Each structure stands twice: as C-alpha cells, then as structure tokens.
Protein backbone atom coordinates (compact mmCIF):
# COMPACT_ATOMS: atom_id res chain seq x y z
CA MET A 1 0.00 0.00 0.00
CA GLY A 2 1.02 3.60 -0.43
CA ASP A 3 1.97 6.07 2.25
CA LEU A 4 -1.58 7.22 2.86
CA ILE A 5 -2.82 3.79 3.94
CA ASP A 6 0.43 2.72 5.60
CA ALA A 7 0.56 5.84 7.76
CA TYR A 8 -3.09 5.68 8.83
CA ARG A 9 -3.78 4.66 12.41
CA PRO A 10 -7.41 4.02 13.39
CA ARG A 11 -8.41 5.51 16.73
CA PRO A 12 -8.66 2.84 19.43
CA GLY A 13 -12.22 2.08 20.48
CA VAL A 14 -13.75 3.92 17.52
CA TYR A 15 -15.46 2.03 14.70
CA ASP A 16 -13.60 2.38 11.42
CA GLU A 17 -15.43 1.66 8.18
CA MET A 18 -12.31 0.54 6.30
CA PHE A 19 -10.25 -1.23 8.96
CA THR A 20 -10.97 -3.98 11.46
CA PRO A 21 -9.80 -3.50 15.06
CA GLN A 22 -6.77 -5.66 14.11
CA ARG A 23 -5.97 -3.09 11.38
CA SER A 24 -6.71 -5.35 8.44
CA ILE A 25 -8.76 -3.92 5.59
CA ARG A 26 -12.39 -5.01 5.49
CA SER A 27 -13.00 -7.10 2.38
CA HIS A 28 -15.53 -4.71 0.82
CA TYR A 29 -12.97 -1.86 1.10
CA GLU A 30 -10.06 -3.63 -0.60
CA ASP A 31 -10.54 -1.83 -3.95
CA VAL A 32 -10.92 1.56 -2.26
CA ALA A 33 -7.79 0.97 -0.17
CA ALA A 34 -5.85 -0.06 -3.27
CA ALA A 35 -6.92 3.13 -5.06
CA LEU A 36 -6.13 5.31 -2.03
CA GLY A 37 -2.77 3.59 -1.72
CA GLN A 38 -1.70 5.36 -4.90
CA PHE A 39 -2.08 8.78 -3.24
CA GLY A 40 -0.29 10.71 -0.57
CA ALA A 41 -1.98 12.87 2.04
CA ASP A 42 -1.26 16.01 -0.02
CA ASP A 43 -2.98 14.47 -3.05
CA LEU A 44 -6.10 13.68 -1.06
CA THR A 45 -6.13 17.15 0.51
CA GLU A 46 -5.84 18.73 -2.94
CA ARG A 47 -8.73 16.63 -4.26
CA ALA A 48 -10.90 17.63 -1.29
CA GLU A 49 -10.08 21.30 -1.87
CA ARG A 50 -10.92 21.00 -5.59
CA LEU A 51 -14.22 19.34 -4.71
CA GLY A 52 -15.06 22.15 -2.28
CA LYS A 53 -14.19 24.78 -4.90
CA ALA A 54 -16.32 23.05 -7.53
CA PHE A 55 -19.25 22.94 -5.10
CA ARG A 56 -18.85 26.66 -4.27
CA ASP A 57 -18.58 27.55 -7.96
CA GLU A 58 -21.77 25.61 -8.76
CA GLY A 59 -23.68 26.90 -5.74
CA VAL A 60 -23.78 23.60 -3.86
CA THR A 61 -23.49 25.39 -0.53
CA PHE A 62 -25.19 26.04 2.77
CA ASP A 63 -25.16 29.06 5.05
CA LEU A 64 -23.55 28.85 8.48
CA ASP A 65 -23.62 32.03 10.53
CA GLY A 66 -23.81 34.17 7.40
CA GLU A 67 -20.97 32.38 5.64
CA GLU A 68 -21.55 30.34 2.49
CA ARG A 69 -19.78 27.01 2.74
CA PRO A 70 -19.54 24.16 0.27
CA PHE A 71 -21.75 21.19 1.07
CA PRO A 72 -19.46 18.74 2.85
CA LEU A 73 -18.76 15.58 0.90
CA ASP A 74 -15.98 13.21 1.79
CA VAL A 75 -13.69 12.25 -1.09
CA VAL A 76 -13.42 8.75 0.38
CA PRO A 77 -16.63 6.84 -0.26
CA ARG A 78 -18.48 5.05 2.50
CA LEU A 79 -19.36 1.54 1.47
CA PHE A 80 -22.11 -0.60 2.93
CA GLU A 81 -22.27 -4.35 2.80
CA ALA A 82 -25.71 -5.76 2.01
CA VAL A 83 -26.32 -6.78 5.62
CA GLU A 84 -25.55 -3.23 6.79
CA TRP A 85 -27.80 -1.72 4.12
CA PHE A 86 -30.71 -3.97 5.13
CA THR A 87 -30.37 -2.52 8.64
CA VAL A 88 -30.61 1.13 7.57
CA ALA A 89 -32.83 0.86 4.48
CA PRO A 90 -36.17 0.51 6.31
CA GLY A 91 -35.70 3.94 7.90
CA TRP A 92 -34.75 5.48 4.57
CA CYS A 93 -37.60 3.84 2.67
CA SER A 94 -40.33 4.41 5.23
CA GLY A 95 -40.74 8.14 4.48
C-alpha cells in the first residue's frame, strides 16, 4: 500500500469503516484501499479542496452564521455491505 494507507492509524475504540480492530482492511474496502494507496496525504487534501471549490462555484453550498460554505462531501466513499444496508434501508424507505 502507499503512504496514505500505511501511515493511517485508526483511533482505538472507535469504529472504522475501512479497517478492522486488528488493522486489516475489510473485504468490501479492498478496492478503495488499493486506489487510495496510490495517493499521498497532499494528493487527497488537494482533491478535497478542488471538490469544495467546484461545489462553491456551482452553488452547492449552505449558510452557516452568514458564511456560504460548500456542502461537505468526503472524497473517500463510505461503502455498505448488504447486511448493513438492510439494517438502515427501512428507515430510509419508510418516508
């Protein structure tokens, strides 16, 4: 893996979507981890900044205390396994 994944340390006692408590990559995140492994922290920061700028330029913003901010969107996707989705889907679909 690249520096970004190798240098990452999950916080003890906090659930991590990508890593197990033993610091192995969850199977459904293997492709994401492989892609992220090609980047350094500066690359990911730059991508997040470009995403924020694109959102501001297109008006995808919200107002916080009179300041327009880009809608927050993480550049690292959150993946759900089917069993996890079946847990949350009833609340989403019940509207």
